Amino acid sequence: MHNYSRSDGLDERGRPQCPHCETRFRAAERDRETIIDPDGTSYATIDEADFSNGPLFCPPCWAALETTRLARQSIDGSGNA
């Protein structure tokens, strides 16, 4: 996974957002959507999330980043870098 810091998960006004696609989480249409921390812990809503584990990702971005991480790990582990 990219080296995102906790502050990367905040926009210029300090509102939570996905650091990868910059989708803001605190919006009427997103408050009830799943978000995921860097360890893969899923939260049903933003209100359940633990921001100390941030930054937090939207499911599509987390899946894409995790797929890339696993692919790199597979390549590195096989000795074919």
Protein backbone atom coordinates (compact mmCIF):
# COMPACT_ATOMS: atom_id res chain seq x y z
CA MET A 1 0.00 0.00 0.00
CA HIS A 2 1.17 3.52 -0.64
CA ASN A 3 2.71 5.33 2.28
CA TYR A 4 -0.25 7.48 3.19
CA SER A 5 -0.12 9.39 6.46
CA ARG A 6 -3.11 10.03 8.69
CA SER A 7 -3.20 13.65 7.48
CA ASP A 8 -3.54 12.44 3.87
CA GLY A 9 -7.03 11.29 4.86
CA LEU A 10 -8.18 14.87 5.47
CA ASP A 11 -9.05 17.58 2.99
CA GLU A 12 -7.87 21.20 3.30
CA ARG A 13 -10.64 21.89 5.83
CA GLY A 14 -9.84 18.83 7.96
CA ARG A 15 -12.80 16.78 6.72
CA PRO A 16 -12.23 13.03 6.28
CA GLN A 17 -11.64 11.83 2.75
CA CYS A 18 -10.15 8.87 0.92
CA PRO A 19 -6.50 9.79 0.35
CA HIS A 20 -6.40 7.86 -2.92
CA CYS A 21 -9.40 9.31 -4.79
CA GLU A 22 -10.11 12.26 -2.45
CA THR A 23 -13.79 11.35 -2.06
CA ARG A 24 -15.09 13.09 1.06
CA PHE A 25 -16.70 10.71 3.55
CA ARG A 26 -18.76 13.19 5.52
CA ALA A 27 -21.58 13.86 3.09
CA ALA A 28 -25.26 13.02 3.19
CA GLU A 29 -24.86 10.37 0.50
CA ARG A 30 -21.73 8.77 2.05
CA ASP A 31 -22.37 8.79 5.81
CA ARG A 32 -23.86 5.31 5.67
CA GLU A 33 -21.30 3.73 3.35
CA THR A 34 -18.52 1.37 4.34
CA ILE A 35 -15.02 2.69 4.86
CA ILE A 36 -11.83 0.70 5.44
CA ASP A 37 -8.67 1.41 7.42
CA PRO A 38 -5.16 0.54 6.13
CA ASP A 39 -5.21 -2.80 7.97
CA GLY A 40 -8.37 -3.84 6.16
CA THR A 41 -10.76 -3.30 9.06
CA SER A 42 -14.13 -2.37 7.63
CA TYR A 43 -16.52 0.07 9.29
CA ALA A 44 -20.19 0.08 8.32
CA THR A 45 -20.41 3.88 8.60
CA ILE A 46 -18.05 6.77 9.11
CA ASP A 47 -19.46 7.22 12.61
CA GLU A 48 -18.14 3.77 13.60
CA ALA A 49 -14.66 4.40 12.20
CA ASP A 50 -11.60 4.84 14.36
CA PHE A 51 -9.81 7.82 12.85
CA SER A 52 -6.69 7.09 14.88
CA ASN A 53 -6.19 4.14 12.51
CA GLY A 54 -6.38 6.44 9.49
CA PRO A 55 -6.24 7.32 6.82
CA LEU A 56 -9.50 5.65 5.85
CA PHE A 57 -10.28 4.46 2.34
CA CYS A 58 -13.41 3.95 0.27
CA PRO A 59 -13.91 0.26 -0.64
CA PRO A 60 -12.97 0.55 -4.35
CA CYS A 61 -9.68 2.33 -3.58
CA TRP A 62 -8.77 -0.02 -0.74
CA ALA A 63 -9.45 -3.03 -2.97
CA ALA A 64 -7.31 -1.59 -5.77
CA LEU A 65 -4.45 -0.71 -3.41
CA GLU A 66 -4.61 -4.10 -1.69
CA THR A 67 -4.61 -5.93 -5.03
CA THR A 68 -1.52 -3.98 -6.08
CA ARG A 69 0.18 -4.71 -2.74
CA LEU A 70 -0.55 -8.44 -2.99
CA ALA A 71 0.68 -8.56 -6.57
CA ARG A 72 3.95 -6.86 -5.60
CA GLN A 73 4.32 -9.18 -2.63
CA SER A 74 3.82 -12.18 -4.91
CA ILE A 75 6.44 -10.91 -7.37
CA ASP A 76 8.92 -10.03 -4.62
CA GLY A 77 8.33 -13.35 -2.87
CA SER A 78 9.00 -15.39 -6.02
CA GLY A 79 12.34 -13.70 -6.67
CA ASN A 80 11.13 -12.23 -9.97
CA ALA A 81 11.21 -8.53 -9.20
